[in-house]
C-alpha atoms as a PDB file:
ATOM      1  CA  UNK A   1       0.000   0.000   0.000  1.00  0.00           C
ATOM      2  CA  UNK A   2       1.247   3.472  -0.835  1.00  0.00           C
ATOM      3  CA  UNK A   3       2.409   5.346   2.249  1.00  0.00           C
ATOM      4  CA  UNK A   4       0.252   8.201   3.478  1.00  0.00           C
ATOM      5  CA  UNK A   5       3.384  10.319   3.942  1.00  0.00           C
ATOM      6  CA  UNK A   6       5.335   9.351   0.831  1.00  0.00           C
ATOM      7  CA  UNK A   7       3.506  11.701  -1.506  1.00  0.00           C
ATOM      8  CA  UNK A   8       5.894  14.640  -1.306  1.00  0.00           C
ATOM      9  CA  UNK A   9       4.070  16.519  -4.078  1.00  0.00           C
ATOM     10  CA  UNK A  10       0.960  17.087  -1.938  1.00  0.00           C
ATOM     11  CA  UNK A  11       0.603  20.610  -0.605  1.00  0.00           C
ATOM     12  CA  UNK A  12       0.220  20.469   3.161  1.00  0.00           C
ATOM     13  CA  UNK A  13      -3.412  20.935   4.124  1.00  0.00           C
ATOM     14  CA  UNK A  14      -3.762  23.782   6.603  1.00  0.00           C
ATOM     15  CA  UNK A  15      -6.858  24.417   8.706  1.00  0.00           C
ATOM     16  CA  UNK A  16      -7.603  27.067  11.300  1.00  0.00           C
ATOM     17  CA  UNK A  17     -10.182  26.455  14.025  1.00  0.00           C
ATOM     18  CA  UNK A  18     -12.300  29.135  15.661  1.00  0.00           C
ATOM     19  CA  UNK A  19     -13.968  27.848  18.829  1.00  0.00           C
ATOM     20  CA  UNK A  20     -17.091  29.617  20.033  1.00  0.00           C
ATOM     21  CA  UNK A  21     -17.945  29.966  23.692  1.00  0.00           C
ATOM     22  CA  UNK A  22     -19.569  26.694  24.874  1.00  0.00           C
ATOM     23  CA  UNK A  23     -18.385  24.896  21.725  1.00  0.00           C
ATOM     24  CA  UNK A  24     -19.027  21.171  21.264  1.00  0.00           C
ATOM     25  CA  UNK A  25     -15.859  19.349  22.285  1.00  0.00           C
ATOM     26  CA  UNK A  26     -16.646  16.046  20.533  1.00  0.00           C
ATOM     27  CA  UNK A  27     -17.160  17.682  17.127  1.00  0.00           C
ATOM     28  CA  UNK A  28     -13.903  19.642  17.424  1.00  0.00           C
ATOM     29  CA  UNK A  29     -11.941  16.620  18.686  1.00  0.00           C
ATOM     30  CA  UNK A  30     -13.161  14.310  15.919  1.00  0.00           C
ATOM     31  CA  UNK A  31     -12.412  16.871  13.224  1.00  0.00           C
ATOM     32  CA  UNK A  32      -8.900  17.694  14.425  1.00  0.00           C
ATOM     33  CA  UNK A  33      -7.996  14.080  15.220  1.00  0.00           C
ATOM     34  CA  UNK A  34      -8.981  13.009  11.719  1.00  0.00           C
ATOM     35  CA  UNK A  35      -6.509  15.604  10.433  1.00  0.00           C
ATOM     36  CA  UNK A  36      -3.836  14.487  12.920  1.00  0.00           C
ATOM     37  CA  UNK A  37      -4.072  10.834  12.005  1.00  0.00           C
ATOM     38  CA  UNK A  38      -4.209  11.533   8.278  1.00  0.00           C
ATOM     39  CA  UNK A  39      -1.101  13.680   8.451  1.00  0.00           C
ATOM     40  CA  UNK A  40       1.310  10.913   9.479  1.00  0.00           C
ATOM     41  CA  UNK A  41       1.616   7.133   9.680  1.00  0.00           C
ATOM     42  CA  UNK A  42       1.063   4.798  12.593  1.00  0.00           C
ATOM     43  CA  UNK A  43      -0.407   7.338  15.032  1.00  0.00           C
ATOM     44  CA  UNK A  44       2.847   9.319  15.282  1.00  0.00           C
ATOM     45  CA  UNK A  45       0.998  12.677  15.194  1.00  0.00           C
ATOM     46  CA  UNK A  46       3.569  14.362  12.977  1.00  0.00           C
ATOM     47  CA  UNK A  47       2.280  17.320  11.000  1.00  0.00           C
ATOM     48  CA  UNK A  48       3.576  16.008   7.700  1.00  0.00           C
ATOM     49  CA  UNK A  49       0.636  16.342   5.334  1.00  0.00           C
ATOM     50  CA  UNK A  50      -1.635  18.575   7.398  1.00  0.00           C
ATOM     51  CA  UNK A  51      -1.310  21.345   9.927  1.00  0.00           C
ATOM     52  CA  UNK A  52      -3.815  23.132  12.124  1.00  0.00           C
ATOM     53  CA  UNK A  53      -4.149  25.898  14.695  1.00  0.00           C
ATOM     54  CA  UNK A  54      -6.767  27.004  17.164  1.00  0.00           C
ATOM     55  CA  UNK A  55      -7.097  30.719  16.480  1.00  0.00           C
ATOM     56  CA  UNK A  56      -8.145  33.314  19.022  1.00  0.00           C
ATOM     57  CA  UNK A  57      -8.123  37.019  19.790  1.00  0.00           C
ATOM     58  CA  UNK A  58      -6.455  36.158  23.118  1.00  0.00           C
ATOM     59  CA  UNK A  59      -4.697  33.134  24.576  1.00  0.00           C
ATOM     60  CA  UNK A  60      -7.381  32.774  27.245  1.00  0.00           C
ATOM     61  CA  UNK A  61      -8.856  29.295  27.616  1.00  0.00           C
ATOM     62  CA  UNK A  62     -12.105  28.655  25.737  1.00  0.00           C
ATOM     63  CA  UNK A  63     -14.641  26.625  27.699  1.00  0.00           C
ATOM     64  CA  UNK A  64     -16.574  23.927  25.858  1.00  0.00           C
ATOM     65  CA  UNK A  65     -20.191  22.984  26.590  1.00  0.00           C
ATOM     66  CA  UNK A  66     -18.993  20.081  28.764  1.00  0.00           C
ATOM     67  CA  UNK A  67     -16.630  22.289  30.773  1.00  0.00           C
ATOM     68  CA  UNK A  68     -13.315  21.146  29.275  1.00  0.00           C
ATOM     69  CA  UNK A  69     -11.170  24.120  28.247  1.00  0.00           C
ATOM     70  CA  UNK A  70      -8.977  24.501  25.171  1.00  0.00           C
ATOM     71  CA  UNK A  71      -6.209  27.064  24.696  1.00  0.00           C
ATOM     72  CA  UNK A  72      -5.743  28.891  21.376  1.00  0.00           C
ATOM     73  CA  UNK A  73      -2.424  28.092  19.724  1.00  0.00           C
ATOM     74  CA  UNK A  74      -2.223  31.162  17.496  1.00  0.00           C
ATOM     75  CA  UNK A  75      -3.330  34.762  17.258  1.00  0.00           C
ATOM     76  CA  UNK A  76      -5.364  35.793  14.246  1.00  0.00           C
ATOM     77  CA  UNK A  77      -3.009  35.778  11.261  1.00  0.00           C
ATOM     78  CA  UNK A  78      -3.563  36.275   7.545  1.00  0.00           C
ATOM     79  CA  UNK A  79      -6.513  33.950   6.846  1.00  0.00           C
ATOM     80  CA  UNK A  80      -5.326  33.297   3.285  1.00  0.00           C
ATOM     81  CA  UNK A  81      -2.640  30.955   4.636  1.00  0.00           C
ATOM     82  CA  UNK A  82      -5.384  28.441   5.502  1.00  0.00           C
ATOM     83  CA  UNK A  83      -7.292  26.201   3.116  1.00  0.00           C
ATOM     84  CA  UNK A  84     -10.247  26.214   5.516  1.00  0.00           C
ATOM     85  CA  UNK A  85     -11.386  28.149   8.573  1.00  0.00           C
ATOM     86  CA  UNK A  86     -13.600  25.882  10.693  1.00  0.00           C
ATOM     87  CA  UNK A  87     -15.973  27.544  13.164  1.00  0.00           C
ATOM     88  CA  UNK A  88     -17.076  25.134  15.890  1.00  0.00           C
ATOM     89  CA  UNK A  89     -20.273  26.193  17.649  1.00  0.00           C
ATOM     90  CA  UNK A  90     -22.127  24.692  20.567  1.00  0.00           C
ATOM     91  CA  UNK A  91     -24.864  25.812  22.902  1.00  0.00           C
ATOM     92  CA  UNK A  92     -27.340  28.275  21.455  1.00  0.00           C
ATOM     93  CA  UNK A  93     -27.995  31.057  23.916  1.00  0.00           C
ATOM     94  CA  UNK A  94     -28.461  34.798  24.011  1.00  0.00           C
ATOM     95  CA  UNK A  95     -24.890  35.757  24.850  1.00  0.00           C
ATOM     96  CA  UNK A  96     -22.414  36.552  22.093  1.00  0.00           C
ATOM     97  CA  UNK A  97     -20.522  33.386  21.203  1.00  0.00           C
ATOM     98  CA  UNK A  98     -17.560  35.208  19.607  1.00  0.00           C
ATOM     99  CA  UNK A  99     -16.029  38.655  20.117  1.00  0.00           C
ATOM    100  CA  UNK A 100     -15.696  41.530  17.656  1.00  0.00           C
ATOM    101  CA  UNK A 101     -12.108  40.686  16.710  1.00  0.00           C
ATOM    102  CA  UNK A 102     -13.202  37.176  15.761  1.00  0.00           C
ATOM    103  CA  UNK A 103     -16.092  38.595  13.736  1.00  0.00           C
ATOM    104  CA  UNK A 104     -13.695  40.858  11.853  1.00  0.00           C
ATOM    105  CA  UNK A 105     -11.340  37.938  11.187  1.00  0.00           C
ATOM    106  CA  UNK A 106     -14.107  35.757   9.730  1.00  0.00           C
ATOM    107  CA  UNK A 107     -15.324  38.568   7.487  1.00  0.00           C
ATOM    108  CA  UNK A 108     -11.769  39.169   6.325  1.00  0.00           C
ATOM    109  CA  UNK A 109     -11.401  35.461   5.542  1.00  0.00           C
ATOM    110  CA  UNK A 110     -14.615  35.545   3.510  1.00  0.00           C
ATOM    111  CA  UNK A 111     -13.406  38.621   1.606  1.00  0.00           C
ATOM    112  CA  UNK A 112     -10.253  36.708   0.687  1.00  0.00           C
ATOM    113  CA  UNK A 113     -12.336  33.734  -0.534  1.00  0.00           C
ATOM    114  CA  UNK A 114     -11.024  31.409   2.168  1.00  0.00           C
ATOM    115  CA  UNK A 115     -13.392  28.467   2.544  1.00  0.00           C
ATOM    116  CA  UNK A 116     -15.425  28.727   5.746  1.00  0.00           C
ATOM    117  CA  UNK A 117     -17.044  25.776   7.502  1.00  0.00           C
ATOM    118  CA  UNK A 118     -19.608  25.843  10.296  1.00  0.00           C
ATOM    119  CA  UNK A 119     -19.532  22.751  12.501  1.00  0.00           C
ATOM    120  CA  UNK A 120     -22.460  22.014  14.801  1.00  0.00           C
ATOM    121  CA  UNK A 121     -23.987  25.468  15.447  1.00  0.00           C
ATOM    122  CA  UNK A 122     -20.970  27.184  13.914  1.00  0.00           C
ATOM    123  CA  UNK A 123     -23.197  27.600  10.868  1.00  0.00           C
ATOM    124  CA  UNK A 124     -25.433  29.880  12.973  1.00  0.00           C
ATOM    125  CA  UNK A 125     -22.424  32.112  13.646  1.00  0.00           C
ATOM    126  CA  UNK A 126     -21.551  32.338   9.963  1.00  0.00           C
ATOM    127  CA  UNK A 127     -25.189  32.988   9.021  1.00  0.00           C
ATOM    128  CA  UNK A 128     -25.458  35.705  11.674  1.00  0.00           C
ATOM    129  CA  UNK A 129     -22.531  37.463   9.976  1.00  0.00           C
ATOM    130  CA  UNK A 130     -24.204  37.192   6.574  1.00  0.00           C
ATOM    131  CA  UNK A 131     -21.625  34.684   5.377  1.00  0.00           C
ATOM    132  CA  UNK A 132     -23.972  31.783   4.533  1.00  0.00           C
ATOM    133  CA  UNK A 133     -26.383  33.679   2.297  1.00  0.00           C
ATOM    134  CA  UNK A 134     -26.591  31.995  -1.095  1.00  0.00           C
ATOM    135  CA  UNK A 135     -25.142  28.760   0.259  1.00  0.00           C
ATOM    136  CA  UNK A 136     -27.090  25.703   1.411  1.00  0.00           C
ATOM    137  CA  UNK A 137     -26.622  25.100   5.124  1.00  0.00           C
ATOM    138  CA  UNK A 138     -26.716  21.681   6.778  1.00  0.00           C
ATOM    139  CA  UNK A 139     -27.783  21.652  10.431  1.00  0.00           C
ATOM    140  CA  UNK A 140     -28.846  19.033  12.936  1.00  0.00           C
ATOM    141  CA  UNK A 141     -32.542  18.171  12.911  1.00  0.00           C
ATOM    142  CA  UNK A 142     -32.522  19.434  16.506  1.00  0.00           C
ATOM    143  CA  UNK A 143     -31.649  22.966  15.348  1.00  0.00           C
ATOM    144  CA  UNK A 144     -33.546  23.111  12.051  1.00  0.00           C
ATOM    145  CA  UNK A 145     -36.569  25.093  13.207  1.00  0.00           C
ATOM    146  CA  UNK A 146     -34.422  27.562  15.130  1.00  0.00           C
ATOM    147  CA  UNK A 147     -32.260  28.167  12.062  1.00  0.00           C
ATOM    148  CA  UNK A 148     -35.329  28.742   9.879  1.00  0.00           C
ATOM    149  CA  UNK A 149     -36.750  31.201  12.375  1.00  0.00           C
ATOM    150  CA  UNK A 150     -33.520  33.177  12.646  1.00  0.00           C
ATOM    151  CA  UNK A 151     -32.585  33.082   8.969  1.00  0.00           C
ATOM    152  CA  UNK A 152     -35.774  32.679   6.922  1.00  0.00           C
ATOM    153  CA  UNK A 153     -34.065  33.743   3.671  1.00  0.00           C
ATOM    154  CA  UNK A 154     -31.367  31.028   3.884  1.00  0.00           C
ATOM    155  CA  UNK A 155     -31.365  27.574   2.288  1.00  0.00           C
ATOM    156  CA  UNK A 156     -31.188  24.940   5.019  1.00  0.00           C
ATOM    157  CA  UNK A 157     -31.643  21.185   5.304  1.00  0.00           C
ATOM    158  CA  UNK A 158     -31.473  18.752   8.200  1.00  0.00           C
ATOM    159  CA  UNK A 159     -31.581  15.382   6.498  1.00  0.00           C
ATOM    160  CA  UNK A 160     -27.909  15.191   5.431  1.00  0.00           C
ATOM    161  CA  UNK A 161     -24.889  15.035   7.777  1.00  0.00           C
ATOM    162  CA  UNK A 162     -22.743  17.669   6.070  1.00  0.00           C
ATOM    163  CA  UNK A 163     -22.492  19.849   2.991  1.00  0.00           C
ATOM    164  CA  UNK A 164     -19.559  21.405   1.119  1.00  0.00           C
ATOM    165  CA  UNK A 165     -20.943  24.112  -1.117  1.00  0.00           C
ATOM    166  CA  UNK A 166     -18.389  26.093  -3.134  1.00  0.00           C
ATOM    167  CA  UNK A 167     -16.608  28.323  -0.602  1.00  0.00           C
ATOM    168  CA  UNK A 168     -18.765  27.288   2.355  1.00  0.00           C
ATOM    169  CA  UNK A 169     -19.353  24.128   4.324  1.00  0.00           C
ATOM    170  CA  UNK A 170     -21.618  23.110   7.155  1.00  0.00           C
ATOM    171  CA  UNK A 171     -21.884  20.059   9.339  1.00  0.00           C
ATOM    172  CA  UNK A 172     -24.576  18.736  11.686  1.00  0.00           C
ATOM    173  CA  UNK A 173     -21.960  18.076  14.377  1.00  0.00           C
ATOM    174  CA  UNK A 174     -21.212  15.033  16.499  1.00  0.00           C
ATOM    175  CA  UNK A 175     -19.635  12.115  14.649  1.00  0.00           C
ATOM    176  CA  UNK A 176     -20.358  13.716  11.266  1.00  0.00           C
ATOM    177  CA  UNK A 177     -17.432  16.066  11.958  1.00  0.00           C
ATOM    178  CA  UNK A 178     -15.128  13.097  11.307  1.00  0.00           C
ATOM    179  CA  UNK A 179     -16.959  12.334   8.059  1.00  0.00           C
ATOM    180  CA  UNK A 180     -16.561  15.896   6.817  1.00  0.00           C
ATOM    181  CA  UNK A 181     -12.881  15.976   7.841  1.00  0.00           C
ATOM    182  CA  UNK A 182     -12.327  12.641   6.076  1.00  0.00           C
ATOM    183  CA  UNK A 183     -13.871  14.050   2.894  1.00  0.00           C
ATOM    184  CA  UNK A 184     -11.503  17.028   3.029  1.00  0.00           C
ATOM    185  CA  UNK A 185      -8.511  14.753   3.668  1.00  0.00           C
ATOM    186  CA  UNK A 186      -9.463  12.528   0.744  1.00  0.00           C
ATOM    187  CA  UNK A 187      -9.795  15.483  -1.622  1.00  0.00           C
ATOM    188  CA  UNK A 188      -6.702  17.412  -0.473  1.00  0.00           C
ATOM    189  CA  UNK A 189      -4.279  14.651   0.508  1.00  0.00           C
ATOM    190  CA  UNK A 190      -5.174  11.107  -0.564  1.00  0.00           C
ATOM    191  CA  UNK A 191      -7.459   8.147  -0.034  1.00  0.00           C
ATOM    192  CA  UNK A 192      -4.586   6.422   1.774  1.00  0.00           C
ATOM    193  CA  UNK A 193      -4.345   9.260   4.295  1.00  0.00           C
ATOM    194  CA  UNK A 194      -8.088   9.099   4.865  1.00  0.00           C
ATOM    195  CA  UNK A 195      -7.953   5.343   5.405  1.00  0.00           C
ATOM    196  CA  UNK A 196      -5.053   5.692   7.838  1.00  0.00           C
ATOM    197  CA  UNK A 197      -7.055   8.144   9.956  1.00  0.00           C
ATOM    198  CA  UNK A 198     -10.276   6.142   9.938  1.00  0.00           C
ATOM    199  CA  UNK A 199      -8.574   2.867  10.832  1.00  0.00           C
ATOM    200  CA  UNK A 200      -6.952   4.379  13.923  1.00  0.00           C
ATOM    201  CA  UNK A 201     -10.241   6.034  14.890  1.00  0.00           C
ATOM    202  CA  UNK A 202     -11.943   2.614  14.559  1.00  0.00           C
ATOM    203  CA  UNK A 203     -14.282   3.971  11.892  1.00  0.00           C
ATOM    204  CA  UNK A 204     -14.963   1.337   9.258  1.00  0.00           C
ATOM    205  CA  UNK A 205     -15.950   3.750   6.502  1.00  0.00           C
ATOM    206  CA  UNK A 206     -16.576   7.480   6.269  1.00  0.00           C
ATOM    207  CA  UNK A 207     -20.082   8.532   5.353  1.00  0.00           C
ATOM    208  CA  UNK A 208     -20.490  10.838   2.364  1.00  0.00           C
ATOM    209  CA  UNK A 209     -22.373  14.136   2.174  1.00  0.00           C
ATOM    210  CA  UNK A 210     -25.364  12.131   0.905  1.00  0.00           C
ATOM    211  CA  UNK A 211     -25.665  10.136   4.155  1.00  0.00           C
ATOM    212  CA  UNK A 212     -28.854  10.678   6.136  1.00  0.00           C
ATOM    213  CA  UNK A 213     -28.798  11.930   9.709  1.00  0.00           C
ATOM    214  CA  UNK A 214     -29.342   8.897  12.005  1.00  0.00           C
ATOM    215  CA  UNK A 215     -32.785   9.653  13.312  1.00  0.00           C
ATOM    216  CA  UNK A 216     -36.074   7.775  13.127  1.00  0.00           C
ATOM    217  CA  UNK A 217     -38.721  10.364  12.270  1.00  0.00           C
ATOM    218  CA  UNK A 218     -41.690  10.107  14.623  1.00  0.00           C
ATOM    219  CA  UNK A 219     -43.149   6.594  14.864  1.00  0.00           C
ATOM    220  CA  UNK A 220     -42.790   5.402  11.274  1.00  0.00           C
ATOM    221  CA  UNK A 221     -40.434   2.452  10.833  1.00  0.00           C
ATOM    222  CA  UNK A 222     -38.276   2.425   7.697  1.00  0.00           C
ATOM    223  CA  UNK A 223     -34.910   1.170   6.470  1.00  0.00           C
ATOM    224  CA  UNK A 224     -34.391   2.769   3.063  1.00  0.00           C
ATOM    225  CA  UNK A 225     -32.370   6.003   3.503  1.00  0.00           C
ATOM    226  CA  UNK A 226     -34.413   7.713   0.793  1.00  0.00           C
ATOM    227  CA  UNK A 227     -37.588   7.131   2.778  1.00  0.00           C
ATOM    228  CA  UNK A 228     -35.940   8.414   5.951  1.00  0.00           C
ATOM    229  CA  UNK A 229     -34.759  11.513   4.093  1.00  0.00           C
ATOM    230  CA  UNK A 230     -38.260  12.066   2.731  1.00  0.00           C
ATOM    231  CA  UNK A 231     -39.805  11.689   6.183  1.00  0.00           C
ATOM    232  CA  UNK A 232     -37.409  14.262   7.595  1.00  0.00           C
ATOM    233  CA  UNK A 233     -38.339  16.622   4.753  1.00  0.00           C
ATOM    234  CA  UNK A 234     -42.004  16.070   5.627  1.00  0.00           C
ATOM    235  CA  UNK A 235     -41.292  16.977   9.236  1.00  0.00           C
ATOM    236  CA  UNK A 236     -39.431  20.077   8.119  1.00  0.00           C
ATOM    237  CA  UNK A 237     -42.508  21.143   6.125  1.00  0.00           C
ATOM    238  CA  UNK A 238     -45.047  20.199   8.765  1.00  0.00           C
ATOM    239  CA  UNK A 239     -47.406  22.920   7.529  1.00  0.00           C
ATOM    240  CA  UNK A 240     -47.960  20.838   4.372  1.00  0.00           C
ATOM    241  CA  UNK A 241     -46.373  23.249   1.909  1.00  0.00           C
ATOM    242  CA  UNK A 242     -44.118  20.824   0.023  1.00  0.00           C
ATOM    243  CA  UNK A 243     -45.601  18.738  -2.805  1.00  0.00           C
ATOM    244  CA  UNK A 244     -45.062  15.032  -3.407  1.00  0.00           C
ATOM    245  CA  UNK A 245     -43.111  15.709  -6.648  1.00  0.00           C
ATOM    246  CA  UNK A 246     -40.868  18.103  -4.704  1.00  0.00           C
ATOM    247  CA  UNK A 247     -40.309  15.461  -2.027  1.00  0.00           C
ATOM    248  CA  UNK A 248     -39.435  12.926  -4.712  1.00  0.00           C
ATOM    249  CA  UNK A 249     -37.002  15.337  -6.384  1.00  0.00           C
ATOM    250  CA  UNK A 250     -35.267  16.004  -3.038  1.00  0.00           C
ATOM    251  CA  UNK A 251     -34.124  12.350  -2.975  1.00  0.00           C
ATOM    252  CA  UNK A 252     -33.474  12.037  -6.705  1.00  0.00           C
ATOM    253  CA  UNK A 253     -36.637  10.132  -7.633  1.00  0.00           C
ATOM    254  CA  UNK A 254     -39.691  10.711  -9.773  1.00  0.00           C
ATOM    255  CA  UNK A 255     -43.108  10.825  -8.139  1.00  0.00           C
ATOM    256  CA  UNK A 256     -43.943   7.314  -9.386  1.00  0.00           C
ATOM    257  CA  UNK A 257     -40.640   5.926  -8.109  1.00  0.00           C
ATOM    258  CA  UNK A 258     -41.220   7.482  -4.690  1.00  0.00           C
ATOM    259  CA  UNK A 259     -44.748   6.091  -4.520  1.00  0.00           C
ATOM    260  CA  UNK A 260     -43.515   2.579  -5.365  1.00  0.00           C
ATOM    261  CA  UNK A 261     -40.767   2.884  -2.760  1.00  0.00           C
ATOM    262  CA  UNK A 262     -43.238   3.925  -0.051  1.00  0.00           C
ATOM    263  CA  UNK A 263     -45.774   1.242  -0.952  1.00  0.00           C
ATOM    264  CA  UNK A 264     -43.068  -1.422  -0.847  1.00  0.00           C
ATOM    265  CA  UNK A 265     -41.820  -0.512   2.628  1.00  0.00           C
ATOM    266  CA  UNK A 266     -44.590   1.381   4.443  1.00  0.00           C
ATOM    267  CA  UNK A 267     -47.576  -0.091   2.566  1.00  0.00           C
ATOM    268  CA  UNK A 268     -48.911   3.409   2.175  1.00  0.00           C
ATOM    269  CA  UNK A 269     -48.604   6.293  -0.275  1.00  0.00           C
ATOM    270  CA  UNK A 270     -46.332   9.292   0.389  1.00  0.00           C
ATOM    271  CA  UNK A 271     -49.403  11.527   0.597  1.00  0.00           C
ATOM    272  CA  UNK A 272     -50.998   9.424   3.356  1.00  0.00           C
ATOM    273  CA  UNK A 273     -47.699   9.148   5.229  1.00  0.00           C
ATOM    274  CA  UNK A 274     -47.255  12.927   4.976  1.00  0.00           C
ATOM    275  CA  UNK A 275     -50.699  13.390   6.494  1.00  0.00           C
ATOM    276  CA  UNK A 276     -49.774  10.968   9.264  1.00  0.00           C
ATOM    277  CA  UNK A 277     -46.568  12.902   9.988  1.00  0.00           C
ATOM    278  CA  UNK A 278     -48.556  16.136  10.288  1.00  0.00           C
ATOM    279  CA  UNK A 279     -51.135  14.499  12.534  1.00  0.00           C
ATOM    280  CA  UNK A 280     -48.386  13.039  14.763  1.00  0.00           C
ATOM    281  CA  UNK A 281     -47.055  16.556  15.198  1.00  0.00           C
ATOM    282  CA  UNK A 282     -50.546  17.817  16.004  1.00  0.00           C
ATOM    283  CA  UNK A 283     -50.931  15.109  18.657  1.00  0.00           C
ATOM    284  CA  UNK A 284     -47.630  16.179  20.226  1.00  0.00           C
ATOM    285  CA  UNK A 285     -48.846  19.761  20.387  1.00  0.00           C
ATOM    286  CA  UNK A 286     -52.162  18.692  21.905  1.00  0.00           C
ATOM    287  CA  UNK A 287     -50.469  16.707  24.661  1.00  0.00           C
ATOM    288  CA  UNK A 288     -47.452  18.919  25.356  1.00  0.00           C
ATOM    289  CA  UNK A 289     -48.784  22.469  24.898  1.00  0.00           C
ATOM    290  CA  UNK A 290     -51.779  24.624  25.734  1.00  0.00           C
ATOM    291  CA  UNK A 291     -52.193  25.821  22.158  1.00  0.00           C
ATOM    292  CA  UNK A 292     -55.783  26.136  20.937  1.00  0.00           C
ATOM    293  CA  UNK A 293     -57.190  23.830  18.267  1.00  0.00           C
ATOM    294  CA  UNK A 294     -57.090  26.555  15.633  1.00  0.00           C
ATOM    295  CA  UNK A 295     -53.449  27.336  16.490  1.00  0.00           C
ATOM    296  CA  UNK A 296     -52.539  23.668  16.149  1.00  0.00           C
ATOM    297  CA  UNK A 297     -54.565  23.380  12.945  1.00  0.00           C
ATOM    298  CA  UNK A 298     -52.683  26.299  11.391  1.00  0.00           C
ATOM    299  CA  UNK A 299     -49.356  24.862  12.584  1.00  0.00           C
ATOM    300  CA  UNK A 300     -49.916  21.655  10.602  1.00  0.00           C
ATOM    301  CA  UNK A 301     -51.369  23.323   7.519  1.00  0.00           C
ATOM    302  CA  UNK A 302     -55.140  23.406   7.993  1.00  0.00           C
ATOM    303  CA  UNK A 303     -57.163  26.557   7.429  1.00  0.00           C
ATOM    304  CA  UNK A 304     -59.844  25.793  10.013  1.00  0.00           C
ATOM    305  CA  UNK A 305     -60.274  23.735  13.162  1.00  0.00           C
ATOM    306  CA  UNK A 306     -63.221  21.658  11.884  1.00  0.00           C
ATOM    307  CA  UNK A 307     -61.319  20.239   8.895  1.00  0.00           C
ATOM    308  CA  UNK A 308     -58.345  19.557  11.152  1.00  0.00           C
ATOM    309  CA  UNK A 309     -60.537  17.777  13.732  1.00  0.00           C
ATOM    310  CA  UNK A 310     -62.103  15.512  11.093  1.00  0.00           C
ATOM    311  CA  UNK A 311     -58.713  14.533   9.678  1.00  0.00           C
ATOM    312  CA  UNK A 312     -57.285  13.960  13.150  1.00  0.00           C
ATOM    313  CA  UNK A 313     -60.235  11.717  14.108  1.00  0.00           C
ATOM    314  CA  UNK A 314     -59.887   9.715  10.876  1.00  0.00           C
ATOM    315  CA  UNK A 315     -56.190   9.180  11.599  1.00  0.00           C
ATOM    316  CA  UNK A 316     -56.323   8.225  15.287  1.00  0.00           C
ATOM    317  CA  UNK A 317     -59.942   7.207  15.883  1.00  0.00           C
ATOM    318  CA  UNK A 318     -60.313   9.919  18.543  1.00  0.00           C
ATOM    319  CA  UNK A 319     -61.063  13.611  18.381  1.00  0.00           C
ATOM    320  CA  UNK A 320     -58.361  16.139  19.323  1.00  0.00           C
ATOM    321  CA  UNK A 321     -60.392  17.131  22.376  1.00  0.00           C
ATOM    322  CA  UNK A 322     -60.550  13.563  23.679  1.00  0.00           C
ATOM    323  CA  UNK A 323     -56.800  13.077  23.180  1.00  0.00           C
ATOM    324  CA  UNK A 324     -56.038  16.271  25.123  1.00  0.00           C
ATOM    325  CA  UNK A 325     -58.487  15.394  27.904  1.00  0.00           C
ATOM    326  CA  UNK A 326     -57.010  11.890  28.281  1.00  0.00           C
ATOM    327  CA  UNK A 327     -53.499  13.344  28.521  1.00  0.00           C
ATOM    328  CA  UNK A 328     -54.565  15.647  31.351  1.00  0.00           C
ATOM    329  CA  UNK A 329     -56.083  12.829  33.425  1.00  0.00           C
END
């Protein structure tokens, strides 16, 4: 096998990390360790084919969401010396997650066409600075609604684990940080370097940007990743505004192909499953909130409470009022 370090013609991959306050330690660690292990052979940690720095406006320790602190290794330098600047976010709260000097550095990097990546909620930071407009953003399903509320004019999806879109990238966080890092290693260094990193990390195979976030939507059992992706898209459009052809196109299928796929695995049509997904959400709202019937009806795409109540009763065999009353007892 060709050595991961023998390819002397490869330009050393260089990545700068910006850690937000309360950043997610696991996402950062998996990303940087994939780089570390791809850069040298046999877990020697030499910075042969890749190099990295944690950048900061000061050398003060940055506290992660779990309490572990990380020290910056470099001041802000010319961003053009990096192939990528990776912003690792974490807890979403009201306090500013980065300071003004960091904001200025990220904007300078964008002006110099340095590729920027948001990991976990790092994409929120980039979007807040206006740096994700015109680029599709990948976020965790957990943060999808919040992202849509904050940035309604941005393209966002929560079915895939990461996305590299021209000069921007975004990643749902968690273990998908290793998948994104592996993709970058493969493209900038070699497949051998990627394999070296994954083997030491005990990862059998990196997932691609087409992989679906590992979540079972609501109570519908399914195995085919295209069905899972479609179900997540249904959840993301709980108000019923996406059409079946649009759902099919989102997973690379025609409407007829999607219908056959659903009938084969769920024994139901996409339209009926979509209605079920919306009604499941309505039942959650009935049980967990004090929202009125008309508010819930509007939330799941019905114009009036009577039509919503009839559909709900047909789906579950009980009226919305009876379901709420039973939950209170």
